[in-house]
Amino acid sequence: MTSSRDEFALLDETWSSVEPPAARRMLIAAAAAFSVRGYHATTTRDIAAQAGMSPAAVYIHYRSKEELLFQISRVGHATSLSVLTAVSDADPVVRLTSAVRAFASWHAEFHTTARVVQYELTALTPEHLAEVVVLRRRIEAAVREMISAGVDAGAFDVPDVRGATLAVLSLCIDVARWYQPSGRRTPEQIGDLYADLVLRMLGAPTTP
């Protein structure tokens, strides 16, 4: 089971594209601080302390605390989109099952960061929010396309594809709000459970 400390160690690999390393370290520290205190209650001094760096170091790499939140949100949404769309199986049931399993598992394994990514959007500037919304729409479109493909193939019985899409996304994203590593299910088990629940919700066979 992944602890919060392990989660941020894993994020160093997930966000390896962020350069230089000091900027990556600051970003991961900000995600950790925001997850504990919330965006508005966190200061740049808190972030610097979490990173083991001086407060002035924050401004070497990021213009503001909000810039840090934007980068966390951007990377988090882009990563979850990649997780969601990693499987390209021709069978729509297999594809959606794999996507939901991975998406729900990601929101459990990286739950503290996912909470920041999903629930601190209102703190972004309008310009930064607009960029993140583009990624959110791509995530929604990917799930909608998977469900539509299943409907077209006769595998899903869904009268309202858009409504079903929002239900699937809400179900998976909400994992980040309540998941605790001390719980009785691992992220992988949650992924399996949610994949099964989604298939049942869509009227599909549950053993793809």
N, C-alpha and C. Protein backbone atom coordinates (compact mmCIF):
# COMPACT_ATOMS: atom_id res chain seq x y z
N MET A 1 0.85 -1.18 0.00
CA MET A 1 0.00 0.00 0.00
C MET A 1 0.89 1.24 0.00
N THR A 2 0.55 2.24 -0.77
CA THR A 2 1.40 3.41 -0.91
C THR A 2 1.11 4.44 0.18
N SER A 3 2.12 4.85 0.92
CA SER A 3 1.95 5.91 1.91
C SER A 3 2.09 7.26 1.23
N SER A 4 1.70 8.34 1.93
CA SER A 4 1.83 9.67 1.36
C SER A 4 3.28 9.99 1.06
N ARG A 5 4.20 9.55 1.94
CA ARG A 5 5.62 9.82 1.72
C ARG A 5 6.08 9.11 0.44
N ASP A 6 5.67 7.83 0.27
CA ASP A 6 6.01 7.08 -0.94
C ASP A 6 5.44 7.76 -2.17
N GLU A 7 4.23 8.31 -2.02
CA GLU A 7 3.58 8.95 -3.16
C GLU A 7 4.44 10.06 -3.73
N PHE A 8 4.98 10.91 -2.88
CA PHE A 8 5.75 12.04 -3.38
C PHE A 8 7.10 11.61 -3.93
N ALA A 9 7.62 10.48 -3.45
CA ALA A 9 8.83 9.93 -4.05
C ALA A 9 8.52 9.44 -5.47
N LEU A 10 7.37 8.81 -5.65
CA LEU A 10 6.97 8.34 -6.97
C LEU A 10 6.73 9.51 -7.91
N LEU A 11 6.21 10.60 -7.39
CA LEU A 11 5.92 11.75 -8.23
C LEU A 11 7.19 12.36 -8.82
N ASP A 12 8.32 12.15 -8.14
CA ASP A 12 9.57 12.66 -8.69
C ASP A 12 9.84 12.02 -10.04
N GLU A 13 9.49 10.73 -10.16
CA GLU A 13 9.65 10.04 -11.44
C GLU A 13 8.55 10.45 -12.41
N THR A 14 7.33 10.58 -11.92
CA THR A 14 6.22 10.97 -12.77
C THR A 14 6.46 12.33 -13.41
N TRP A 15 7.06 13.25 -12.66
CA TRP A 15 7.29 14.61 -13.13
C TRP A 15 8.73 14.84 -13.56
N SER A 16 9.35 13.78 -14.05
CA SER A 16 10.76 13.88 -14.43
C SER A 16 11.00 14.87 -15.57
N SER A 17 9.93 15.23 -16.30
CA SER A 17 10.09 16.20 -17.40
C SER A 17 10.28 17.62 -16.89
N VAL A 18 9.97 17.87 -15.63
CA VAL A 18 10.13 19.21 -15.06
C VAL A 18 11.60 19.45 -14.75
N GLU A 19 12.17 20.44 -15.40
CA GLU A 19 13.58 20.77 -15.23
C GLU A 19 13.74 22.24 -14.86
N PRO A 20 14.81 22.58 -14.14
CA PRO A 20 15.86 21.71 -13.58
C PRO A 20 15.35 20.94 -12.36
N PRO A 21 16.16 20.04 -11.81
CA PRO A 21 15.73 19.25 -10.66
C PRO A 21 15.24 20.08 -9.48
N ALA A 22 15.83 21.24 -9.27
CA ALA A 22 15.40 22.09 -8.15
C ALA A 22 13.97 22.57 -8.35
N ALA A 23 13.60 22.85 -9.61
CA ALA A 23 12.22 23.27 -9.90
C ALA A 23 11.26 22.10 -9.65
N ARG A 24 11.69 20.90 -10.02
CA ARG A 24 10.86 19.71 -9.79
C ARG A 24 10.67 19.49 -8.29
N ARG A 25 11.76 19.64 -7.55
CA ARG A 25 11.71 19.46 -6.10
C ARG A 25 10.76 20.47 -5.46
N MET A 26 10.79 21.69 -5.94
CA MET A 26 9.92 22.73 -5.41
C MET A 26 8.45 22.42 -5.74
N LEU A 27 8.21 21.89 -6.94
CA LEU A 27 6.85 21.56 -7.36
C LEU A 27 6.27 20.44 -6.49
N ILE A 28 7.06 19.42 -6.26
CA ILE A 28 6.60 18.30 -5.43
C ILE A 28 6.38 18.76 -3.99
N ALA A 29 7.24 19.64 -3.51
CA ALA A 29 7.08 20.18 -2.16
C ALA A 29 5.79 20.99 -2.05
N ALA A 30 5.48 21.75 -3.09
CA ALA A 30 4.25 22.55 -3.09
C ALA A 30 3.03 21.64 -3.06
N ALA A 31 3.06 20.56 -3.85
CA ALA A 31 1.93 19.62 -3.85
C ALA A 31 1.73 19.03 -2.46
N ALA A 32 2.84 18.67 -1.80
CA ALA A 32 2.75 18.11 -0.45
C ALA A 32 2.17 19.13 0.52
N ALA A 33 2.65 20.37 0.45
CA ALA A 33 2.19 21.42 1.37
C ALA A 33 0.72 21.76 1.13
N PHE A 34 0.33 21.89 -0.14
CA PHE A 34 -1.07 22.21 -0.46
C PHE A 34 -2.00 21.10 0.03
N SER A 35 -1.55 19.85 -0.08
CA SER A 35 -2.41 18.73 0.30
C SER A 35 -2.66 18.71 1.80
N VAL A 36 -1.72 19.23 2.59
CA VAL A 36 -1.86 19.24 4.04
C VAL A 36 -2.61 20.47 4.52
N ARG A 37 -2.24 21.64 4.00
CA ARG A 37 -2.77 22.91 4.52
C ARG A 37 -3.87 23.52 3.66
N GLY A 38 -3.95 23.08 2.39
CA GLY A 38 -4.81 23.77 1.44
C GLY A 38 -4.04 24.89 0.79
N TYR A 39 -4.45 25.28 -0.41
CA TYR A 39 -3.70 26.30 -1.15
C TYR A 39 -3.64 27.63 -0.41
N HIS A 40 -4.77 28.12 0.04
CA HIS A 40 -4.83 29.47 0.60
C HIS A 40 -4.08 29.57 1.92
N ALA A 41 -4.02 28.50 2.70
CA ALA A 41 -3.35 28.54 4.00
C ALA A 41 -1.85 28.25 3.89
N THR A 42 -1.39 27.88 2.72
CA THR A 42 0.03 27.56 2.52
C THR A 42 0.79 28.81 2.09
N THR A 43 1.95 29.03 2.67
CA THR A 43 2.80 30.16 2.28
C THR A 43 3.98 29.64 1.47
N THR A 44 4.63 30.55 0.77
CA THR A 44 5.84 30.15 0.04
C THR A 44 6.92 29.69 1.00
N ARG A 45 6.91 30.22 2.21
CA ARG A 45 7.87 29.78 3.23
C ARG A 45 7.60 28.31 3.60
N ASP A 46 6.32 27.93 3.69
CA ASP A 46 5.97 26.53 3.96
C ASP A 46 6.50 25.62 2.85
N ILE A 47 6.33 26.07 1.61
CA ILE A 47 6.77 25.27 0.47
C ILE A 47 8.29 25.12 0.47
N ALA A 48 8.97 26.22 0.73
CA ALA A 48 10.44 26.17 0.77
C ALA A 48 10.93 25.24 1.87
N ALA A 49 10.26 25.28 3.02
CA ALA A 49 10.65 24.41 4.13
C ALA A 49 10.43 22.95 3.77
N GLN A 50 9.33 22.67 3.10
CA GLN A 50 9.03 21.31 2.66
C GLN A 50 10.10 20.82 1.69
N ALA A 51 10.61 21.72 0.85
CA ALA A 51 11.63 21.36 -0.14
C ALA A 51 13.03 21.37 0.44
N GLY A 52 13.20 21.91 1.66
CA GLY A 52 14.52 22.02 2.26
C GLY A 52 15.35 23.09 1.57
N MET A 53 14.69 24.16 1.12
CA MET A 53 15.37 25.23 0.40
C MET A 53 15.00 26.57 1.04
N SER A 54 15.66 27.62 0.62
CA SER A 54 15.36 28.95 1.16
C SER A 54 14.10 29.51 0.51
N PRO A 55 13.36 30.38 1.22
CA PRO A 55 12.15 30.98 0.64
C PRO A 55 12.42 31.70 -0.68
N ALA A 56 13.59 32.30 -0.80
CA ALA A 56 13.92 33.02 -2.04
C ALA A 56 14.04 32.08 -3.23
N ALA A 57 14.32 30.80 -2.96
CA ALA A 57 14.50 29.83 -4.05
C ALA A 57 13.21 29.60 -4.82
N VAL A 58 12.06 29.80 -4.17
CA VAL A 58 10.78 29.62 -4.85
C VAL A 58 10.71 30.51 -6.08
N TYR A 59 11.12 31.76 -5.93
CA TYR A 59 10.96 32.75 -6.99
C TYR A 59 12.03 32.65 -8.08
N ILE A 60 13.02 31.81 -7.84
CA ILE A 60 14.00 31.56 -8.90
C ILE A 60 13.36 30.76 -10.03
N HIS A 61 12.43 29.87 -9.66
CA HIS A 61 11.84 28.95 -10.63
C HIS A 61 10.36 29.25 -10.94
N TYR A 62 9.65 29.90 -10.02
CA TYR A 62 8.23 30.15 -10.20
C TYR A 62 7.90 31.60 -9.82
N ARG A 63 7.04 32.22 -10.60
CA ARG A 63 6.73 33.63 -10.38
C ARG A 63 5.91 33.86 -9.13
N SER A 64 5.13 32.84 -8.73
CA SER A 64 4.22 33.01 -7.60
C SER A 64 3.77 31.65 -7.08
N LYS A 65 3.09 31.68 -5.96
CA LYS A 65 2.49 30.46 -5.42
C LYS A 65 1.45 29.91 -6.39
N GLU A 66 0.72 30.80 -7.03
CA GLU A 66 -0.30 30.37 -8.00
C GLU A 66 0.34 29.67 -9.19
N GLU A 67 1.51 30.12 -9.60
CA GLU A 67 2.23 29.47 -10.71
C GLU A 67 2.57 28.02 -10.34
N LEU A 68 2.94 27.80 -9.11
CA LEU A 68 3.20 26.44 -8.63
C LEU A 68 1.93 25.59 -8.72
N LEU A 69 0.83 26.13 -8.26
CA LEU A 69 -0.44 25.40 -8.32
C LEU A 69 -0.81 25.08 -9.77
N PHE A 70 -0.61 26.03 -10.65
CA PHE A 70 -0.92 25.80 -12.07
C PHE A 70 -0.09 24.67 -12.64
N GLN A 71 1.20 24.67 -12.34
CA GLN A 71 2.06 23.61 -12.88
C GLN A 71 1.67 22.25 -12.31
N ILE A 72 1.33 22.20 -11.02
CA ILE A 72 0.86 20.95 -10.42
C ILE A 72 -0.42 20.48 -11.12
N SER A 73 -1.35 21.40 -11.32
CA SER A 73 -2.61 21.05 -11.96
C SER A 73 -2.42 20.63 -13.40
N ARG A 74 -1.55 21.35 -14.11
CA ARG A 74 -1.30 21.01 -15.52
C ARG A 74 -0.67 19.63 -15.65
N VAL A 75 0.38 19.39 -14.87
CA VAL A 75 1.05 18.09 -14.93
C VAL A 75 0.13 16.98 -14.46
N GLY A 76 -0.61 17.23 -13.39
CA GLY A 76 -1.53 16.22 -12.87
C GLY A 76 -2.60 15.84 -13.86
N HIS A 77 -3.20 16.82 -14.51
CA HIS A 77 -4.24 16.52 -15.50
C HIS A 77 -3.65 15.82 -16.73
N ALA A 78 -2.48 16.27 -17.16
CA ALA A 78 -1.86 15.63 -18.33
C ALA A 78 -1.49 14.18 -18.01
N THR A 79 -1.01 13.94 -16.80
CA THR A 79 -0.65 12.58 -16.41
C THR A 79 -1.88 11.68 -16.32
N SER A 80 -2.94 12.18 -15.71
CA SER A 80 -4.15 11.36 -15.59
C SER A 80 -4.78 11.10 -16.95
N LEU A 81 -4.64 12.05 -17.89
CA LEU A 81 -5.12 11.83 -19.25
C LEU A 81 -4.33 10.71 -19.91
N SER A 82 -3.01 10.70 -19.71
CA SER A 82 -2.17 9.64 -20.28
C SER A 82 -2.53 8.28 -19.69
N VAL A 83 -2.78 8.26 -18.40
CA VAL A 83 -3.18 7.02 -17.73
C VAL A 83 -4.50 6.51 -18.31
N LEU A 84 -5.42 7.42 -18.50
CA LEU A 84 -6.75 7.07 -18.98
C LEU A 84 -6.74 6.53 -20.40
N THR A 85 -5.86 7.04 -21.23
CA THR A 85 -5.88 6.70 -22.66
C THR A 85 -4.75 5.74 -23.06
N ALA A 86 -4.09 5.12 -22.09
CA ALA A 86 -2.93 4.27 -22.39
C ALA A 86 -3.31 3.00 -23.14
N VAL A 87 -4.54 2.51 -22.95
CA VAL A 87 -4.97 1.26 -23.59
C VAL A 87 -5.74 1.57 -24.86
N SER A 88 -5.38 0.88 -25.95
CA SER A 88 -6.04 1.13 -27.24
C SER A 88 -6.67 -0.14 -27.79
N ASP A 89 -7.16 -1.01 -26.92
CA ASP A 89 -7.77 -2.27 -27.34
C ASP A 89 -9.00 -2.01 -28.21
N ALA A 90 -9.18 -2.82 -29.23
CA ALA A 90 -10.31 -2.63 -30.14
C ALA A 90 -11.64 -2.96 -29.47
N ASP A 91 -11.63 -3.82 -28.49
CA ASP A 91 -12.85 -4.19 -27.77
C ASP A 91 -13.23 -3.05 -26.83
N PRO A 92 -14.39 -2.41 -27.03
CA PRO A 92 -14.74 -1.24 -26.21
C PRO A 92 -14.93 -1.57 -24.74
N VAL A 93 -15.35 -2.78 -24.43
CA VAL A 93 -15.53 -3.17 -23.04
C VAL A 93 -14.17 -3.31 -22.35
N VAL A 94 -13.24 -3.97 -23.01
CA VAL A 94 -11.90 -4.12 -22.46
C VAL A 94 -11.23 -2.76 -22.31
N ARG A 95 -11.41 -1.90 -23.31
CA ARG A 95 -10.76 -0.60 -23.29
C ARG A 95 -11.28 0.26 -22.13
N LEU A 96 -12.59 0.32 -21.97
CA LEU A 96 -13.14 1.13 -20.89
C LEU A 96 -12.82 0.53 -19.53
N THR A 97 -12.87 -0.78 -19.43
CA THR A 97 -12.53 -1.43 -18.17
C THR A 97 -11.10 -1.09 -17.76
N SER A 98 -10.17 -1.20 -18.69
CA SER A 98 -8.77 -0.90 -18.40
C SER A 98 -8.58 0.57 -18.05
N ALA A 99 -9.30 1.44 -18.77
CA ALA A 99 -9.19 2.88 -18.53
C ALA A 99 -9.69 3.25 -17.13
N VAL A 100 -10.86 2.75 -16.77
CA VAL A 100 -11.43 3.06 -15.46
C VAL A 100 -10.56 2.48 -14.35
N ARG A 101 -10.09 1.26 -14.55
CA ARG A 101 -9.23 0.63 -13.54
C ARG A 101 -7.99 1.49 -13.30
N ALA A 102 -7.35 1.95 -14.37
CA ALA A 102 -6.13 2.75 -14.24
C ALA A 102 -6.43 4.13 -13.67
N PHE A 103 -7.51 4.75 -14.12
CA PHE A 103 -7.86 6.11 -13.69
C PHE A 103 -8.21 6.15 -12.21
N ALA A 104 -9.03 5.19 -11.76
CA ALA A 104 -9.41 5.14 -10.35
C ALA A 104 -8.20 4.80 -9.49
N SER A 105 -7.37 3.87 -9.96
CA SER A 105 -6.17 3.49 -9.20
C SER A 105 -5.22 4.68 -9.04
N TRP A 106 -5.08 5.47 -10.12
CA TRP A 106 -4.19 6.64 -10.06
C TRP A 106 -4.68 7.63 -9.01
N HIS A 107 -5.99 7.85 -8.94
CA HIS A 107 -6.53 8.80 -7.97
C HIS A 107 -6.42 8.28 -6.53
N ALA A 108 -6.26 6.97 -6.38
CA ALA A 108 -6.00 6.42 -5.05
C ALA A 108 -4.51 6.47 -4.72
N GLU A 109 -3.69 5.99 -5.63
CA GLU A 109 -2.25 5.92 -5.36
C GLU A 109 -1.65 7.31 -5.12
N PHE A 110 -2.12 8.30 -5.89
CA PHE A 110 -1.63 9.67 -5.76
C PHE A 110 -2.72 10.58 -5.18
N HIS A 111 -3.40 10.07 -4.15
CA HIS A 111 -4.60 10.73 -3.64
C HIS A 111 -4.36 12.14 -3.13
N THR A 112 -3.26 12.37 -2.42
CA THR A 112 -3.07 13.71 -1.87
C THR A 112 -2.80 14.73 -2.98
N THR A 113 -1.99 14.34 -3.94
CA THR A 113 -1.75 15.24 -5.07
C THR A 113 -3.00 15.39 -5.92
N ALA A 114 -3.73 14.29 -6.12
CA ALA A 114 -4.95 14.35 -6.92
C ALA A 114 -5.98 15.28 -6.29
N ARG A 115 -6.00 15.33 -4.95
CA ARG A 115 -6.92 16.26 -4.28
C ARG A 115 -6.57 17.70 -4.63
N VAL A 116 -5.29 18.00 -4.66
CA VAL A 116 -4.85 19.35 -5.05
C VAL A 116 -5.24 19.62 -6.50
N VAL A 117 -4.97 18.66 -7.36
CA VAL A 117 -5.24 18.81 -8.80
C VAL A 117 -6.73 19.02 -9.05
N GLN A 118 -7.57 18.27 -8.36
CA GLN A 118 -9.00 18.28 -8.66
C GLN A 118 -9.79 19.34 -7.88
N TYR A 119 -9.33 19.71 -6.69
CA TYR A 119 -10.17 20.53 -5.82
C TYR A 119 -9.63 21.91 -5.48
N GLU A 120 -8.53 22.31 -6.12
CA GLU A 120 -8.00 23.66 -5.88
C GLU A 120 -8.08 24.52 -7.14
N LEU A 121 -8.92 24.13 -8.09
CA LEU A 121 -8.99 24.83 -9.37
C LEU A 121 -9.43 26.28 -9.23
N THR A 122 -10.26 26.57 -8.24
CA THR A 122 -10.79 27.93 -8.11
C THR A 122 -9.71 28.94 -7.75
N ALA A 123 -8.55 28.47 -7.30
CA ALA A 123 -7.45 29.38 -6.95
C ALA A 123 -6.62 29.78 -8.16
N LEU A 124 -6.85 29.14 -9.30
CA LEU A 124 -6.08 29.48 -10.51
C LEU A 124 -6.56 30.79 -11.11
N THR A 125 -5.66 31.49 -11.80
CA THR A 125 -6.06 32.68 -12.54
C THR A 125 -6.95 32.26 -13.71
N PRO A 126 -7.77 33.16 -14.24
CA PRO A 126 -8.62 32.79 -15.38
C PRO A 126 -7.82 32.22 -16.55
N GLU A 127 -6.64 32.78 -16.82
CA GLU A 127 -5.81 32.30 -17.94
C GLU A 127 -5.32 30.87 -17.68
N HIS A 128 -4.85 30.61 -16.49
CA HIS A 128 -4.36 29.28 -16.16
C HIS A 128 -5.50 28.27 -16.08
N LEU A 129 -6.63 28.70 -15.54
CA LEU A 129 -7.79 27.81 -15.48
C LEU A 129 -8.23 27.40 -16.88
N ALA A 130 -8.18 28.34 -17.81
CA ALA A 130 -8.58 28.03 -19.19
C ALA A 130 -7.69 26.94 -19.79
N GLU A 131 -6.40 26.97 -19.49
CA GLU A 131 -5.49 25.94 -20.00
C GLU A 131 -5.81 24.58 -19.39
N VAL A 132 -6.12 24.57 -18.11
CA VAL A 132 -6.44 23.31 -17.44
C VAL A 132 -7.78 22.77 -17.94
N VAL A 133 -8.72 23.65 -18.20
CA VAL A 133 -10.03 23.23 -18.70
C VAL A 133 -9.90 22.49 -20.04
N VAL A 134 -8.95 22.91 -20.86
CA VAL A 134 -8.71 22.21 -22.13
C VAL A 134 -8.36 20.75 -21.86
N LEU A 135 -7.49 20.50 -20.88
CA LEU A 135 -7.12 19.14 -20.53
C LEU A 135 -8.31 18.38 -19.94
N ARG A 136 -9.10 19.04 -19.12
CA ARG A 136 -10.27 18.40 -18.54
C ARG A 136 -11.27 18.00 -19.62
N ARG A 137 -11.41 18.84 -20.62
CA ARG A 137 -12.32 18.50 -21.72
C ARG A 137 -11.80 17.32 -22.53
N ARG A 138 -10.48 17.22 -22.66
CA ARG A 138 -9.90 16.08 -23.37
C ARG A 138 -10.13 14.79 -22.58
N ILE A 139 -10.04 14.87 -21.27
CA ILE A 139 -10.32 13.71 -20.42
C ILE A 139 -11.77 13.30 -20.58
N GLU A 140 -12.68 14.27 -20.52
CA GLU A 140 -14.10 13.97 -20.69
C GLU A 140 -14.38 13.38 -22.07
N ALA A 141 -13.76 13.96 -23.10
CA ALA A 141 -13.98 13.47 -24.46
C ALA A 141 -13.49 12.04 -24.63
N ALA A 142 -12.37 11.71 -23.98
CA ALA A 142 -11.83 10.34 -24.09
C ALA A 142 -12.80 9.32 -23.51
N VAL A 143 -13.36 9.63 -22.34
CA VAL A 143 -14.31 8.71 -21.71
C VAL A 143 -15.59 8.64 -22.53
N ARG A 144 -16.06 9.78 -23.00
CA ARG A 144 -17.28 9.80 -23.81
C ARG A 144 -17.12 8.97 -25.08
N GLU A 145 -15.94 9.06 -25.71
CA GLU A 145 -15.70 8.29 -26.92
C GLU A 145 -15.70 6.79 -26.63
N MET A 146 -15.13 6.39 -25.49
CA MET A 146 -15.11 4.97 -25.12
C MET A 146 -16.52 4.44 -24.89
N ILE A 147 -17.33 5.24 -24.20
CA ILE A 147 -18.71 4.82 -23.94
C ILE A 147 -19.51 4.77 -25.24
N SER A 148 -19.33 5.77 -26.08
CA SER A 148 -20.04 5.80 -27.37
C SER A 148 -19.66 4.60 -28.23
N ALA A 149 -18.38 4.24 -28.21
CA ALA A 149 -17.93 3.08 -28.99
C ALA A 149 -18.61 1.81 -28.48
N GLY A 150 -18.77 1.71 -27.17
CA GLY A 150 -19.45 0.55 -26.60
C GLY A 150 -20.92 0.51 -26.94
N VAL A 151 -21.55 1.69 -26.95
CA VAL A 151 -22.96 1.77 -27.35
C VAL A 151 -23.12 1.36 -28.81
N ASP A 152 -22.26 1.88 -29.67
CA ASP A 152 -22.33 1.55 -31.10
C ASP A 152 -22.12 0.06 -31.35
N ALA A 153 -21.29 -0.57 -30.51
CA ALA A 153 -21.01 -2.00 -30.68
C ALA A 153 -22.07 -2.88 -30.02
N GLY A 154 -23.03 -2.25 -29.35
CA GLY A 154 -24.07 -3.00 -28.67
C GLY A 154 -23.63 -3.58 -27.34
N ALA A 155 -22.48 -3.13 -26.84
CA ALA A 155 -21.95 -3.66 -25.58
C ALA A 155 -22.48 -2.91 -24.36
N PHE A 156 -22.84 -1.64 -24.53
CA PHE A 156 -23.35 -0.83 -23.43
C PHE A 156 -24.78 -0.41 -23.73
N ASP A 157 -25.58 -0.35 -22.68
CA ASP A 157 -26.96 0.12 -22.78
C ASP A 157 -27.04 1.45 -22.05
N VAL A 158 -26.80 2.55 -22.78
CA VAL A 158 -26.69 3.88 -22.18
C VAL A 158 -27.57 4.87 -22.94
N PRO A 159 -28.68 5.31 -22.36
CA PRO A 159 -29.55 6.27 -23.05
C PRO A 159 -28.97 7.69 -23.08
N ASP A 160 -28.09 8.02 -22.16
CA ASP A 160 -27.52 9.37 -22.06
C ASP A 160 -26.01 9.24 -21.92
N VAL A 161 -25.29 9.29 -23.04
CA VAL A 161 -23.85 9.09 -23.03
C VAL A 161 -23.15 10.20 -22.26
N ARG A 162 -23.57 11.44 -22.46
CA ARG A 162 -22.93 12.55 -21.76
C ARG A 162 -23.10 12.42 -20.25
N GLY A 163 -24.32 12.09 -19.83
CA GLY A 163 -24.56 11.91 -18.39
C GLY A 163 -23.76 10.76 -17.82
N ALA A 164 -23.67 9.67 -18.57
CA ALA A 164 -22.90 8.51 -18.12
C ALA A 164 -21.41 8.86 -18.02
N THR A 165 -20.92 9.66 -18.95
CA THR A 165 -19.52 10.09 -18.93
C THR A 165 -19.21 10.86 -17.66
N LEU A 166 -20.06 11.81 -17.32
CA LEU A 166 -19.85 12.60 -16.10
C LEU A 166 -19.93 11.73 -14.85
N ALA A 167 -20.82 10.73 -14.88
CA ALA A 167 -20.95 9.82 -13.73
C ALA A 167 -19.68 9.00 -13.54
N VAL A 168 -19.13 8.48 -14.64
CA VAL A 168 -17.91 7.68 -14.57
C VAL A 168 -16.74 8.52 -14.05
N LEU A 169 -16.59 9.73 -14.59
CA LEU A 169 -15.49 10.60 -14.16
C LEU A 169 -15.64 10.99 -12.70
N SER A 170 -16.84 11.35 -12.30
CA SER A 170 -17.08 11.75 -10.91
C SER A 170 -16.76 10.61 -9.96
N LEU A 171 -17.16 9.40 -10.33
CA LEU A 171 -16.90 8.23 -9.50
C LEU A 171 -15.41 8.04 -9.26
N CYS A 172 -14.63 8.11 -10.34
CA CYS A 172 -13.18 7.87 -10.24
C CYS A 172 -12.46 9.01 -9.52
N ILE A 173 -12.80 10.24 -9.87
CA ILE A 173 -12.11 11.39 -9.28
C ILE A 173 -12.37 11.49 -7.79
N ASP A 174 -13.57 11.11 -7.35
CA ASP A 174 -13.92 11.24 -5.94
C ASP A 174 -13.07 10.33 -5.05
N VAL A 175 -12.41 9.33 -5.63
CA VAL A 175 -11.53 8.47 -4.86
C VAL A 175 -10.48 9.30 -4.12
N ALA A 176 -9.97 10.32 -4.79
CA ALA A 176 -8.93 11.17 -4.19
C ALA A 176 -9.41 11.86 -2.92
N ARG A 177 -10.71 12.12 -2.84
CA ARG A 177 -11.25 12.84 -1.69
C ARG A 177 -11.26 11.98 -0.43
N TRP A 178 -11.57 10.68 -0.57
CA TRP A 178 -11.76 9.86 0.63
C TRP A 178 -10.68 8.80 0.87
N TYR A 179 -9.87 8.50 -0.14
CA TYR A 179 -8.94 7.38 0.00
C TYR A 179 -7.90 7.62 1.10
N GLN A 180 -7.64 6.58 1.88
CA GLN A 180 -6.59 6.59 2.90
C GLN A 180 -5.75 5.32 2.74
N PRO A 181 -4.41 5.44 2.74
CA PRO A 181 -3.57 4.25 2.59
C PRO A 181 -3.81 3.20 3.66
N SER A 182 -4.32 3.61 4.82
CA SER A 182 -4.58 2.67 5.91
C SER A 182 -5.87 1.88 5.72
N GLY A 183 -6.62 2.20 4.68
CA GLY A 183 -7.87 1.50 4.41
C GLY A 183 -7.65 0.06 4.01
N ARG A 184 -8.75 -0.68 3.84
CA ARG A 184 -8.62 -2.12 3.59
C ARG A 184 -8.39 -2.46 2.13
N ARG A 185 -8.51 -1.48 1.21
CA ARG A 185 -8.28 -1.76 -0.20
C ARG A 185 -7.05 -1.02 -0.72
N THR A 186 -6.27 -1.70 -1.53
CA THR A 186 -5.13 -1.08 -2.20
C THR A 186 -5.65 -0.28 -3.39
N PRO A 187 -4.83 0.61 -3.97
CA PRO A 187 -5.25 1.31 -5.18
C PRO A 187 -5.64 0.35 -6.30
N GLU A 188 -4.92 -0.75 -6.44
CA GLU A 188 -5.24 -1.72 -7.48
C GLU A 188 -6.61 -2.37 -7.24
N GLN A 189 -6.91 -2.67 -5.99
CA GLN A 189 -8.22 -3.25 -5.66
C GLN A 189 -9.35 -2.26 -5.89
N ILE A 190 -9.09 -1.00 -5.60
CA ILE A 190 -10.10 0.03 -5.89
C ILE A 190 -10.33 0.13 -7.38
N GLY A 191 -9.25 0.08 -8.16
CA GLY A 191 -9.38 0.11 -9.61
C GLY A 191 -10.24 -1.04 -10.12
N ASP A 192 -10.01 -2.24 -9.60
CA ASP A 192 -10.81 -3.40 -10.00
C ASP A 192 -12.28 -3.22 -9.62
N LEU A 193 -12.51 -2.75 -8.40
CA LEU A 193 -13.88 -2.54 -7.93
C LEU A 193 -14.61 -1.52 -8.79
N TYR A 194 -13.96 -0.40 -9.08
CA TYR A 194 -14.61 0.65 -9.84
C TYR A 194 -14.84 0.26 -11.30
N ALA A 195 -13.92 -0.52 -11.86
CA ALA A 195 -14.12 -1.01 -13.23
C ALA A 195 -15.37 -1.88 -13.29
N ASP A 196 -15.54 -2.73 -12.29
CA ASP A 196 -16.72 -3.59 -12.23
C ASP A 196 -17.99 -2.76 -12.05
N LEU A 197 -17.94 -1.77 -11.17
CA LEU A 197 -19.11 -0.92 -10.92
C LEU A 197 -19.52 -0.16 -12.18
N VAL A 198 -18.54 0.35 -12.91
CA VAL A 198 -18.84 1.11 -14.13
C VAL A 198 -19.47 0.21 -15.18
N LEU A 199 -18.95 -0.99 -15.34
CA LEU A 199 -19.54 -1.91 -16.32
C LEU A 199 -20.99 -2.22 -15.96
N ARG A 200 -21.25 -2.45 -14.69
CA ARG A 200 -22.63 -2.70 -14.26
C ARG A 200 -23.52 -1.49 -14.53
N MET A 201 -22.99 -0.30 -14.25
CA MET A 201 -23.74 0.92 -14.48
C MET A 201 -24.10 1.10 -15.96
N LEU A 202 -23.19 0.67 -16.84
CA LEU A 202 -23.41 0.83 -18.27
C LEU A 202 -24.15 -0.36 -18.90
N GLY A 203 -24.52 -1.34 -18.06
CA GLY A 203 -25.25 -2.48 -18.58
C GLY A 203 -24.41 -3.41 -19.42
N ALA A 204 -23.12 -3.50 -19.09
CA ALA A 204 -22.21 -4.36 -19.88
C ALA A 204 -21.91 -5.63 -19.11
N PRO A 205 -21.37 -6.65 -19.80
CA PRO A 205 -20.92 -7.85 -19.09
C PRO A 205 -19.79 -7.48 -18.14
N THR A 206 -19.69 -8.13 -17.01
CA THR A 206 -18.70 -7.74 -16.00
C THR A 206 -17.46 -8.60 -16.00
N THR A 207 -17.30 -9.46 -16.99
CA THR A 207 -16.09 -10.28 -17.08
C THR A 207 -15.50 -10.18 -18.49
N PRO A 208 -14.98 -8.95 -18.87
CA PRO A 208 -14.43 -8.77 -20.22
C PRO A 208 -13.16 -9.57 -20.41
